[in-house]
């Protein structure tokens, strides 16, 4: 009798123990659960669209998106406060070392598409195209007056406006255009891409630098509003250069690398199993996710492209 009671007690305790396994109950899957994802704010319009469709397809999935500068988005992921970081570069050696200290041997990358850095101007500015040498001169501060661009210009001192002091655009242009040198004293930063677009509407002397995602979707009312109130500059291509030929940051030119300031869009994952982070990243790599990228005016990692003119 005592043995039978002991067996019953062990059985009950085993059942209770199984019912108190929070790690199993709360474990997210590729299509359910809740995670935080950090993202470069310059990519916000396209990633918002990706998130909306993913959550509609998977009602049990909840993604908390946090939009920050590129630097801060990566730092949030390194601190384990975000499962993924959606940015336009891979991690550097010091960042990878942080992951290794946390017993994560390597970062996982998902390539989802390409965007570009756009140079925007006041709607009344008549100087709407730049050579590669002029872009370098503008960023370094060697070109600081509009008359250095065109002797006929009636504008004054040039202001170069970025979206954030820790912007990925600053990092990209310092690396690729200035070969490691810092941007000039004529450059300053605001707090977001929309802030740059609004600043350009009121300041004729300014050149704004934003992620093209903010103005690439011509079906989006916000993008239409911005395009109706600013001009998008054309830039001399890196390859197949012909005197007087310049290109805008549109899908065809980005895909063919005819627009020089294009960037990879990458999802950096710290996830060591197939959880919700993997599910969301895989969705953006899939055909439905790539179609969202295409419709948004950017270049999918794998798909056909369309050419749309930005006026």
C-alpha atoms as a PDB file:
ATOM      1  CA  UNK A   1       0.000   0.000   0.000  1.00  0.00           C
ATOM      2  CA  UNK A   2       2.800   2.395   0.889  1.00  0.00           C
ATOM      3  CA  UNK A   3       4.618   1.545  -2.346  1.00  0.00           C
ATOM      4  CA  UNK A   4       1.457   2.270  -4.364  1.00  0.00           C
ATOM      5  CA  UNK A   5       1.056   5.670  -2.655  1.00  0.00           C
ATOM      6  CA  UNK A   6       4.698   6.464  -3.330  1.00  0.00           C
ATOM      7  CA  UNK A   7       4.306   5.657  -7.027  1.00  0.00           C
ATOM      8  CA  UNK A   8       1.192   7.881  -7.230  1.00  0.00           C
ATOM      9  CA  UNK A   9       3.065  10.728  -5.514  1.00  0.00           C
ATOM     10  CA  UNK A  10       5.971  10.481  -7.965  1.00  0.00           C
ATOM     11  CA  UNK A  11       3.532  10.466 -10.902  1.00  0.00           C
ATOM     12  CA  UNK A  12       1.732  13.585  -9.652  1.00  0.00           C
ATOM     13  CA  UNK A  13       5.012  15.443  -9.036  1.00  0.00           C
ATOM     14  CA  UNK A  14       6.204  14.523 -12.532  1.00  0.00           C
ATOM     15  CA  UNK A  15       3.016  15.911 -14.096  1.00  0.00           C
ATOM     16  CA  UNK A  16       3.304  19.137 -12.079  1.00  0.00           C
ATOM     17  CA  UNK A  17       6.941  19.535 -13.084  1.00  0.00           C
ATOM     18  CA  UNK A  18       6.056  19.162 -16.760  1.00  0.00           C
ATOM     19  CA  UNK A  19       3.317  21.768 -16.413  1.00  0.00           C
ATOM     20  CA  UNK A  20       5.812  24.258 -14.969  1.00  0.00           C
ATOM     21  CA  UNK A  21       8.288  24.325 -17.854  1.00  0.00           C
ATOM     22  CA  UNK A  22       8.207  28.028 -18.892  1.00  0.00           C
ATOM     23  CA  UNK A  23      11.047  27.609 -21.385  1.00  0.00           C
ATOM     24  CA  UNK A  24       8.924  25.179 -23.399  1.00  0.00           C
ATOM     25  CA  UNK A  25       5.648  27.087 -23.062  1.00  0.00           C
ATOM     26  CA  UNK A  26       7.127  30.485 -24.024  1.00  0.00           C
ATOM     27  CA  UNK A  27       9.466  29.313 -26.780  1.00  0.00           C
ATOM     28  CA  UNK A  28       8.783  31.223 -30.021  1.00  0.00           C
ATOM     29  CA  UNK A  29       8.596  29.432 -33.366  1.00  0.00           C
ATOM     30  CA  UNK A  30       9.168  30.626 -36.926  1.00  0.00           C
ATOM     31  CA  UNK A  31       5.519  31.746 -37.110  1.00  0.00           C
ATOM     32  CA  UNK A  32       4.514  32.520 -33.528  1.00  0.00           C
ATOM     33  CA  UNK A  33       5.721  34.304 -30.417  1.00  0.00           C
ATOM     34  CA  UNK A  34       6.996  37.803 -29.735  1.00  0.00           C
ATOM     35  CA  UNK A  35      10.441  39.306 -30.412  1.00  0.00           C
ATOM     36  CA  UNK A  36      12.093  42.706 -30.785  1.00  0.00           C
ATOM     37  CA  UNK A  37      13.847  43.659 -34.030  1.00  0.00           C
ATOM     38  CA  UNK A  38      16.023  46.765 -34.472  1.00  0.00           C
ATOM     39  CA  UNK A  39      16.222  48.460 -37.858  1.00  0.00           C
ATOM     40  CA  UNK A  40      18.090  51.302 -39.536  1.00  0.00           C
ATOM     41  CA  UNK A  41      15.531  54.128 -39.717  1.00  0.00           C
ATOM     42  CA  UNK A  42      16.467  54.829 -43.345  1.00  0.00           C
ATOM     43  CA  UNK A  43      14.797  51.486 -44.226  1.00  0.00           C
ATOM     44  CA  UNK A  44      11.620  52.073 -42.223  1.00  0.00           C
ATOM     45  CA  UNK A  45       9.043  52.358 -45.060  1.00  0.00           C
ATOM     46  CA  UNK A  46       9.967  49.045 -46.689  1.00  0.00           C
ATOM     47  CA  UNK A  47      10.433  47.105 -43.439  1.00  0.00           C
ATOM     48  CA  UNK A  48       7.094  48.376 -42.099  1.00  0.00           C
ATOM     49  CA  UNK A  49       5.450  46.876 -45.188  1.00  0.00           C
ATOM     50  CA  UNK A  50       7.277  43.561 -44.706  1.00  0.00           C
ATOM     51  CA  UNK A  51       6.234  43.390 -41.044  1.00  0.00           C
ATOM     52  CA  UNK A  52       2.589  44.204 -41.763  1.00  0.00           C
ATOM     53  CA  UNK A  53       2.206  41.392 -44.317  1.00  0.00           C
ATOM     54  CA  UNK A  54       4.144  38.868 -42.207  1.00  0.00           C
ATOM     55  CA  UNK A  55       1.949  39.495 -39.152  1.00  0.00           C
ATOM     56  CA  UNK A  56      -1.216  39.295 -41.260  1.00  0.00           C
ATOM     57  CA  UNK A  57      -0.110  35.884 -42.552  1.00  0.00           C
ATOM     58  CA  UNK A  58       0.874  34.729 -39.051  1.00  0.00           C
ATOM     59  CA  UNK A  59      -1.565  36.165 -36.460  1.00  0.00           C
ATOM     60  CA  UNK A  60       0.282  34.478 -33.578  1.00  0.00           C
ATOM     61  CA  UNK A  61       3.494  36.343 -34.423  1.00  0.00           C
ATOM     62  CA  UNK A  62       4.216  39.755 -32.894  1.00  0.00           C
ATOM     63  CA  UNK A  63       7.301  41.726 -33.888  1.00  0.00           C
ATOM     64  CA  UNK A  64       8.198  44.864 -31.970  1.00  0.00           C
ATOM     65  CA  UNK A  65      10.153  47.027 -34.420  1.00  0.00           C
ATOM     66  CA  UNK A  66      12.559  49.630 -33.055  1.00  0.00           C
ATOM     67  CA  UNK A  67      13.827  52.168 -35.626  1.00  0.00           C
ATOM     68  CA  UNK A  68      17.202  53.739 -34.822  1.00  0.00           C
ATOM     69  CA  UNK A  69      20.395  54.919 -36.448  1.00  0.00           C
ATOM     70  CA  UNK A  70      22.474  52.134 -38.001  1.00  0.00           C
ATOM     71  CA  UNK A  71      24.964  52.203 -35.120  1.00  0.00           C
ATOM     72  CA  UNK A  72      22.286  52.069 -32.422  1.00  0.00           C
ATOM     73  CA  UNK A  73      20.338  49.319 -34.226  1.00  0.00           C
ATOM     74  CA  UNK A  74      23.420  47.094 -34.198  1.00  0.00           C
ATOM     75  CA  UNK A  75      24.210  47.931 -30.569  1.00  0.00           C
ATOM     76  CA  UNK A  76      20.687  46.933 -29.504  1.00  0.00           C
ATOM     77  CA  UNK A  77      21.144  43.529 -31.149  1.00  0.00           C
ATOM     78  CA  UNK A  78      24.606  43.057 -29.605  1.00  0.00           C
ATOM     79  CA  UNK A  79      23.157  43.758 -26.145  1.00  0.00           C
ATOM     80  CA  UNK A  80      20.578  40.998 -26.712  1.00  0.00           C
ATOM     81  CA  UNK A  81      17.764  43.564 -26.586  1.00  0.00           C
ATOM     82  CA  UNK A  82      16.859  42.705 -30.198  1.00  0.00           C
ATOM     83  CA  UNK A  83      16.891  39.345 -31.973  1.00  0.00           C
ATOM     84  CA  UNK A  84      17.709  40.845 -35.381  1.00  0.00           C
ATOM     85  CA  UNK A  85      19.227  44.061 -36.738  1.00  0.00           C
ATOM     86  CA  UNK A  86      18.218  45.170 -40.246  1.00  0.00           C
ATOM     87  CA  UNK A  87      21.008  47.359 -41.611  1.00  0.00           C
ATOM     88  CA  UNK A  88      23.154  47.961 -44.709  1.00  0.00           C
ATOM     89  CA  UNK A  89      26.434  46.345 -43.662  1.00  0.00           C
ATOM     90  CA  UNK A  90      27.912  43.299 -41.956  1.00  0.00           C
ATOM     91  CA  UNK A  91      29.324  43.391 -38.452  1.00  0.00           C
ATOM     92  CA  UNK A  92      32.925  44.486 -37.973  1.00  0.00           C
ATOM     93  CA  UNK A  93      35.513  42.517 -36.011  1.00  0.00           C
ATOM     94  CA  UNK A  94      34.914  44.280 -32.687  1.00  0.00           C
ATOM     95  CA  UNK A  95      31.161  43.657 -32.968  1.00  0.00           C
ATOM     96  CA  UNK A  96      31.724  40.000 -33.811  1.00  0.00           C
ATOM     97  CA  UNK A  97      33.956  39.758 -30.725  1.00  0.00           C
ATOM     98  CA  UNK A  98      31.019  40.902 -28.577  1.00  0.00           C
ATOM     99  CA  UNK A  99      28.927  38.021 -29.908  1.00  0.00           C
ATOM    100  CA  UNK A 100      31.726  35.523 -29.298  1.00  0.00           C
ATOM    101  CA  UNK A 101      31.913  36.677 -25.668  1.00  0.00           C
ATOM    102  CA  UNK A 102      28.237  35.719 -25.458  1.00  0.00           C
ATOM    103  CA  UNK A 103      29.021  32.224 -26.816  1.00  0.00           C
ATOM    104  CA  UNK A 104      27.640  33.054 -30.274  1.00  0.00           C
ATOM    105  CA  UNK A 105      30.324  31.828 -32.658  1.00  0.00           C
ATOM    106  CA  UNK A 106      29.192  33.905 -35.644  1.00  0.00           C
ATOM    107  CA  UNK A 107      26.452  36.199 -36.882  1.00  0.00           C
ATOM    108  CA  UNK A 108      23.962  34.871 -39.393  1.00  0.00           C
ATOM    109  CA  UNK A 109      23.136  37.046 -42.401  1.00  0.00           C
ATOM    110  CA  UNK A 110      20.077  37.153 -44.638  1.00  0.00           C
ATOM    111  CA  UNK A 111      20.450  39.234 -47.812  1.00  0.00           C
ATOM    112  CA  UNK A 112      17.072  40.696 -48.725  1.00  0.00           C
ATOM    113  CA  UNK A 113      17.728  43.450 -51.275  1.00  0.00           C
ATOM    114  CA  UNK A 114      19.391  46.702 -52.277  1.00  0.00           C
ATOM    115  CA  UNK A 115      18.617  50.340 -51.604  1.00  0.00           C
ATOM    116  CA  UNK A 116      20.540  53.565 -52.248  1.00  0.00           C
ATOM    117  CA  UNK A 117      21.458  56.876 -50.716  1.00  0.00           C
ATOM    118  CA  UNK A 118      19.549  59.720 -52.367  1.00  0.00           C
ATOM    119  CA  UNK A 119      20.642  63.364 -52.587  1.00  0.00           C
ATOM    120  CA  UNK A 120      17.630  65.656 -52.411  1.00  0.00           C
ATOM    121  CA  UNK A 121      17.254  69.352 -53.166  1.00  0.00           C
ATOM    122  CA  UNK A 122      14.835  72.223 -52.657  1.00  0.00           C
ATOM    123  CA  UNK A 123      12.074  72.235 -55.289  1.00  0.00           C
ATOM    124  CA  UNK A 124      13.304  75.554 -56.743  1.00  0.00           C
ATOM    125  CA  UNK A 125      16.959  74.526 -57.044  1.00  0.00           C
ATOM    126  CA  UNK A 126      18.057  74.538 -60.688  1.00  0.00           C
ATOM    127  CA  UNK A 127      21.257  72.541 -60.105  1.00  0.00           C
ATOM    128  CA  UNK A 128      19.927  68.995 -60.118  1.00  0.00           C
ATOM    129  CA  UNK A 129      22.906  66.859 -61.159  1.00  0.00           C
ATOM    130  CA  UNK A 130      26.401  66.224 -59.782  1.00  0.00           C
ATOM    131  CA  UNK A 131      29.586  64.570 -60.929  1.00  0.00           C
ATOM    132  CA  UNK A 132      31.396  62.082 -58.702  1.00  0.00           C
ATOM    133  CA  UNK A 133      34.117  64.688 -58.085  1.00  0.00           C
ATOM    134  CA  UNK A 134      31.510  67.247 -57.021  1.00  0.00           C
ATOM    135  CA  UNK A 135      29.931  64.786 -54.558  1.00  0.00           C
ATOM    136  CA  UNK A 136      33.350  64.183 -53.000  1.00  0.00           C
ATOM    137  CA  UNK A 137      33.999  67.929 -52.834  1.00  0.00           C
ATOM    138  CA  UNK A 138      30.620  68.565 -51.216  1.00  0.00           C
ATOM    139  CA  UNK A 139      31.104  65.876 -48.568  1.00  0.00           C
ATOM    140  CA  UNK A 140      34.671  66.952 -47.740  1.00  0.00           C
ATOM    141  CA  UNK A 141      33.738  70.635 -47.549  1.00  0.00           C
ATOM    142  CA  UNK A 142      36.000  71.662 -50.440  1.00  0.00           C
ATOM    143  CA  UNK A 143      32.861  72.724 -52.299  1.00  0.00           C
ATOM    144  CA  UNK A 144      30.906  74.987 -49.964  1.00  0.00           C
ATOM    145  CA  UNK A 145      29.213  77.519 -52.301  1.00  0.00           C
ATOM    146  CA  UNK A 146      26.602  76.872 -54.990  1.00  0.00           C
ATOM    147  CA  UNK A 147      28.599  79.023 -57.423  1.00  0.00           C
ATOM    148  CA  UNK A 148      31.287  76.335 -57.291  1.00  0.00           C
ATOM    149  CA  UNK A 149      28.681  73.989 -58.797  1.00  0.00           C
ATOM    150  CA  UNK A 150      27.317  76.529 -61.284  1.00  0.00           C
ATOM    151  CA  UNK A 151      28.532  80.082 -61.851  1.00  0.00           C
ATOM    152  CA  UNK A 152      24.960  81.068 -62.751  1.00  0.00           C
ATOM    153  CA  UNK A 153      23.542  79.956 -59.400  1.00  0.00           C
ATOM    154  CA  UNK A 154      21.923  82.646 -57.256  1.00  0.00           C
ATOM    155  CA  UNK A 155      22.146  80.478 -54.113  1.00  0.00           C
ATOM    156  CA  UNK A 156      24.679  80.901 -51.317  1.00  0.00           C
ATOM    157  CA  UNK A 157      26.493  78.634 -48.863  1.00  0.00           C
ATOM    158  CA  UNK A 158      25.740  74.919 -49.191  1.00  0.00           C
ATOM    159  CA  UNK A 159      24.391  72.961 -46.231  1.00  0.00           C
ATOM    160  CA  UNK A 160      24.715  69.148 -46.252  1.00  0.00           C
ATOM    161  CA  UNK A 161      22.054  67.558 -44.031  1.00  0.00           C
ATOM    162  CA  UNK A 162      22.093  63.950 -42.770  1.00  0.00           C
ATOM    163  CA  UNK A 163      19.410  62.002 -40.945  1.00  0.00           C
ATOM    164  CA  UNK A 164      21.312  61.243 -37.713  1.00  0.00           C
ATOM    165  CA  UNK A 165      24.793  61.787 -36.186  1.00  0.00           C
ATOM    166  CA  UNK A 166      25.249  57.973 -36.137  1.00  0.00           C
ATOM    167  CA  UNK A 167      23.736  57.528 -39.588  1.00  0.00           C
ATOM    168  CA  UNK A 168      24.661  54.602 -41.786  1.00  0.00           C
ATOM    169  CA  UNK A 169      24.755  57.079 -44.681  1.00  0.00           C
ATOM    170  CA  UNK A 170      27.591  59.006 -43.007  1.00  0.00           C
ATOM    171  CA  UNK A 171      29.519  55.785 -42.382  1.00  0.00           C
ATOM    172  CA  UNK A 172      28.952  54.613 -45.957  1.00  0.00           C
ATOM    173  CA  UNK A 173      29.978  57.881 -47.623  1.00  0.00           C
ATOM    174  CA  UNK A 174      33.047  58.342 -45.401  1.00  0.00           C
ATOM    175  CA  UNK A 175      34.170  54.820 -46.328  1.00  0.00           C
ATOM    176  CA  UNK A 176      33.294  54.727 -50.031  1.00  0.00           C
ATOM    177  CA  UNK A 177      33.647  58.360 -51.144  1.00  0.00           C
ATOM    178  CA  UNK A 178      36.073  59.976 -48.691  1.00  0.00           C
ATOM    179  CA  UNK A 179      38.225  56.824 -48.286  1.00  0.00           C
ATOM    180  CA  UNK A 180      38.100  56.964 -44.499  1.00  0.00           C
ATOM    181  CA  UNK A 181      38.225  60.747 -44.020  1.00  0.00           C
ATOM    182  CA  UNK A 182      35.531  62.507 -42.004  1.00  0.00           C
ATOM    183  CA  UNK A 183      32.750  64.595 -43.539  1.00  0.00           C
ATOM    184  CA  UNK A 184      33.316  68.354 -43.726  1.00  0.00           C
ATOM    185  CA  UNK A 185      32.191  71.079 -41.343  1.00  0.00           C
ATOM    186  CA  UNK A 186      29.471  72.073 -43.818  1.00  0.00           C
ATOM    187  CA  UNK A 187      27.662  68.805 -42.909  1.00  0.00           C
ATOM    188  CA  UNK A 188      25.325  68.376 -39.953  1.00  0.00           C
ATOM    189  CA  UNK A 189      22.695  65.891 -38.810  1.00  0.00           C
ATOM    190  CA  UNK A 190      19.067  66.056 -37.695  1.00  0.00           C
ATOM    191  CA  UNK A 191      17.079  63.230 -36.062  1.00  0.00           C
ATOM    192  CA  UNK A 192      15.414  61.269 -38.885  1.00  0.00           C
ATOM    193  CA  UNK A 193      14.902  60.950 -42.639  1.00  0.00           C
ATOM    194  CA  UNK A 194      11.514  62.758 -42.549  1.00  0.00           C
ATOM    195  CA  UNK A 195      13.210  65.621 -40.664  1.00  0.00           C
ATOM    196  CA  UNK A 196      15.687  65.957 -43.548  1.00  0.00           C
ATOM    197  CA  UNK A 197      12.875  65.979 -46.102  1.00  0.00           C
ATOM    198  CA  UNK A 198      11.023  68.667 -44.158  1.00  0.00           C
ATOM    199  CA  UNK A 199      14.200  70.746 -43.769  1.00  0.00           C
ATOM    200  CA  UNK A 200      14.765  70.691 -47.535  1.00  0.00           C
ATOM    201  CA  UNK A 201      11.322  72.130 -48.188  1.00  0.00           C
ATOM    202  CA  UNK A 202      12.266  75.301 -46.290  1.00  0.00           C
ATOM    203  CA  UNK A 203      15.968  75.711 -47.083  1.00  0.00           C
ATOM    204  CA  UNK A 204      16.981  76.438 -50.671  1.00  0.00           C
ATOM    205  CA  UNK A 205      20.723  76.150 -50.013  1.00  0.00           C
ATOM    206  CA  UNK A 206      20.561  72.644 -48.520  1.00  0.00           C
ATOM    207  CA  UNK A 207      21.331  69.187 -49.897  1.00  0.00           C
ATOM    208  CA  UNK A 208      19.648  66.400 -47.959  1.00  0.00           C
ATOM    209  CA  UNK A 209      20.964  62.845 -47.770  1.00  0.00           C
ATOM    210  CA  UNK A 210      18.358  60.125 -47.087  1.00  0.00           C
ATOM    211  CA  UNK A 211      17.602  56.460 -47.700  1.00  0.00           C
ATOM    212  CA  UNK A 212      15.797  56.134 -51.034  1.00  0.00           C
ATOM    213  CA  UNK A 213      13.163  53.927 -49.367  1.00  0.00           C
ATOM    214  CA  UNK A 214      11.471  57.132 -48.161  1.00  0.00           C
ATOM    215  CA  UNK A 215      10.720  58.291 -51.710  1.00  0.00           C
ATOM    216  CA  UNK A 216      10.786  55.113 -53.827  1.00  0.00           C
ATOM    217  CA  UNK A 217       7.213  53.800 -53.472  1.00  0.00           C
ATOM    218  CA  UNK A 218       5.092  55.908 -55.801  1.00  0.00           C
ATOM    219  CA  UNK A 219       1.901  54.290 -54.498  1.00  0.00           C
ATOM    220  CA  UNK A 220       2.631  55.567 -51.003  1.00  0.00           C
ATOM    221  CA  UNK A 221       0.940  58.872 -50.095  1.00  0.00           C
ATOM    222  CA  UNK A 222       3.822  60.027 -47.891  1.00  0.00           C
ATOM    223  CA  UNK A 223       6.404  59.369 -50.620  1.00  0.00           C
ATOM    224  CA  UNK A 224       4.213  61.216 -53.145  1.00  0.00           C
ATOM    225  CA  UNK A 225       3.958  64.203 -50.818  1.00  0.00           C
ATOM    226  CA  UNK A 226       7.724  64.373 -50.352  1.00  0.00           C
ATOM    227  CA  UNK A 227       8.397  64.027 -54.094  1.00  0.00           C
ATOM    228  CA  UNK A 228       5.981  66.849 -54.848  1.00  0.00           C
ATOM    229  CA  UNK A 229       7.946  69.154 -52.561  1.00  0.00           C
ATOM    230  CA  UNK A 230      11.596  68.328 -53.274  1.00  0.00           C
ATOM    231  CA  UNK A 231      13.824  67.357 -56.205  1.00  0.00           C
ATOM    232  CA  UNK A 232      15.924  64.190 -56.402  1.00  0.00           C
ATOM    233  CA  UNK A 233      19.430  64.848 -57.699  1.00  0.00           C
ATOM    234  CA  UNK A 234      21.059  62.829 -60.458  1.00  0.00           C
ATOM    235  CA  UNK A 235      24.638  61.584 -60.109  1.00  0.00           C
ATOM    236  CA  UNK A 236      27.283  60.586 -62.644  1.00  0.00           C
ATOM    237  CA  UNK A 237      27.548  56.759 -62.917  1.00  0.00           C
ATOM    238  CA  UNK A 238      30.711  54.920 -61.884  1.00  0.00           C
ATOM    239  CA  UNK A 239      30.738  52.633 -64.930  1.00  0.00           C
ATOM    240  CA  UNK A 240      29.964  53.452 -68.576  1.00  0.00           C
ATOM    241  CA  UNK A 241      30.643  57.111 -67.863  1.00  0.00           C
ATOM    242  CA  UNK A 242      29.647  59.472 -70.653  1.00  0.00           C
ATOM    243  CA  UNK A 243      30.013  63.244 -70.391  1.00  0.00           C
ATOM    244  CA  UNK A 244      26.738  64.837 -69.316  1.00  0.00           C
ATOM    245  CA  UNK A 245      25.019  61.524 -68.480  1.00  0.00           C
ATOM    246  CA  UNK A 246      23.700  61.257 -64.909  1.00  0.00           C
ATOM    247  CA  UNK A 247      21.338  58.846 -63.172  1.00  0.00           C
ATOM    248  CA  UNK A 248      18.691  58.980 -60.466  1.00  0.00           C
ATOM    249  CA  UNK A 249      18.445  56.401 -57.648  1.00  0.00           C
ATOM    250  CA  UNK A 250      15.709  54.313 -59.263  1.00  0.00           C
ATOM    251  CA  UNK A 251      15.341  50.525 -59.387  1.00  0.00           C
ATOM    252  CA  UNK A 252      16.928  49.923 -62.781  1.00  0.00           C
ATOM    253  CA  UNK A 253      19.940  52.129 -62.078  1.00  0.00           C
ATOM    254  CA  UNK A 254      20.465  50.582 -58.637  1.00  0.00           C
ATOM    255  CA  UNK A 255      20.175  47.027 -59.958  1.00  0.00           C
ATOM    256  CA  UNK A 256      22.626  47.693 -62.805  1.00  0.00           C
ATOM    257  CA  UNK A 257      24.961  49.657 -60.492  1.00  0.00           C
ATOM    258  CA  UNK A 258      24.585  52.688 -62.765  1.00  0.00           C
ATOM    259  CA  UNK A 259      23.695  54.746 -59.714  1.00  0.00           C
ATOM    260  CA  UNK A 260      26.911  54.759 -57.660  1.00  0.00           C
ATOM    261  CA  UNK A 261      25.638  54.991 -54.066  1.00  0.00           C
ATOM    262  CA  UNK A 262      23.763  51.687 -53.726  1.00  0.00           C
ATOM    263  CA  UNK A 263      23.813  49.526 -50.590  1.00  0.00           C
ATOM    264  CA  UNK A 264      23.027  45.939 -49.570  1.00  0.00           C
ATOM    265  CA  UNK A 265      20.137  45.452 -47.148  1.00  0.00           C
ATOM    266  CA  UNK A 266      21.018  42.713 -44.678  1.00  0.00           C
ATOM    267  CA  UNK A 267      19.369  41.095 -41.708  1.00  0.00           C
ATOM    268  CA  UNK A 268      21.943  40.346 -39.004  1.00  0.00           C
ATOM    269  CA  UNK A 269      20.724  37.610 -36.666  1.00  0.00           C
ATOM    270  CA  UNK A 270      21.962  36.498 -33.266  1.00  0.00           C
ATOM    271  CA  UNK A 271      19.400  33.697 -33.222  1.00  0.00           C
ATOM    272  CA  UNK A 272      20.999  30.280 -32.675  1.00  0.00           C
ATOM    273  CA  UNK A 273      17.905  28.261 -33.558  1.00  0.00           C
ATOM    274  CA  UNK A 274      14.938  28.503 -35.910  1.00  0.00           C
ATOM    275  CA  UNK A 275      12.787  30.942 -33.973  1.00  0.00           C
ATOM    276  CA  UNK A 276      10.591  33.881 -34.965  1.00  0.00           C
ATOM    277  CA  UNK A 277      13.621  35.901 -36.047  1.00  0.00           C
ATOM    278  CA  UNK A 278      14.512  33.222 -38.594  1.00  0.00           C
ATOM    279  CA  UNK A 279      10.887  33.065 -39.703  1.00  0.00           C
ATOM    280  CA  UNK A 280      10.673  36.819 -40.341  1.00  0.00           C
ATOM    281  CA  UNK A 281      14.050  36.969 -42.111  1.00  0.00           C
ATOM    282  CA  UNK A 282      13.154  33.954 -44.256  1.00  0.00           C
ATOM    283  CA  UNK A 283       9.849  35.589 -45.193  1.00  0.00           C
ATOM    284  CA  UNK A 284      11.671  38.683 -46.449  1.00  0.00           C
ATOM    285  CA  UNK A 285      13.926  36.396 -48.525  1.00  0.00           C
ATOM    286  CA  UNK A 286      10.934  34.479 -49.936  1.00  0.00           C
ATOM    287  CA  UNK A 287       8.942  35.332 -53.057  1.00  0.00           C
ATOM    288  CA  UNK A 288       6.173  37.244 -51.190  1.00  0.00           C
ATOM    289  CA  UNK A 289       8.751  39.254 -49.234  1.00  0.00           C
ATOM    290  CA  UNK A 290      10.759  39.982 -52.368  1.00  0.00           C
ATOM    291  CA  UNK A 291       7.617  41.205 -54.154  1.00  0.00           C
ATOM    292  CA  UNK A 292       7.074  43.698 -51.323  1.00  0.00           C
ATOM    293  CA  UNK A 293      10.634  44.942 -51.878  1.00  0.00           C
ATOM    294  CA  UNK A 294       9.939  45.285 -55.611  1.00  0.00           C
ATOM    295  CA  UNK A 295       6.634  47.072 -55.113  1.00  0.00           C
ATOM    296  CA  UNK A 296       8.297  49.439 -52.648  1.00  0.00           C
ATOM    297  CA  UNK A 297      10.642  50.718 -55.355  1.00  0.00           C
ATOM    298  CA  UNK A 298      13.779  48.973 -54.100  1.00  0.00           C
ATOM    299  CA  UNK A 299      15.713  46.093 -55.657  1.00  0.00           C
ATOM    300  CA  UNK A 300      14.967  42.593 -54.350  1.00  0.00           C
ATOM    301  CA  UNK A 301      17.846  40.217 -53.751  1.00  0.00           C
ATOM    302  CA  UNK A 302      16.416  37.887 -56.407  1.00  0.00           C
ATOM    303  CA  UNK A 303      13.734  39.090 -58.802  1.00  0.00           C
ATOM    304  CA  UNK A 304      13.032  41.141 -61.906  1.00  0.00           C
ATOM    305  CA  UNK A 305      13.029  44.940 -61.629  1.00  0.00           C
ATOM    306  CA  UNK A 306      11.007  47.833 -62.916  1.00  0.00           C
ATOM    307  CA  UNK A 307      12.191  51.327 -63.786  1.00  0.00           C
ATOM    308  CA  UNK A 308      10.237  54.282 -62.342  1.00  0.00           C
ATOM    309  CA  UNK A 309      11.213  57.892 -62.874  1.00  0.00           C
ATOM    310  CA  UNK A 310      11.466  60.104 -59.765  1.00  0.00           C
ATOM    311  CA  UNK A 311      10.550  63.678 -60.684  1.00  0.00           C
END
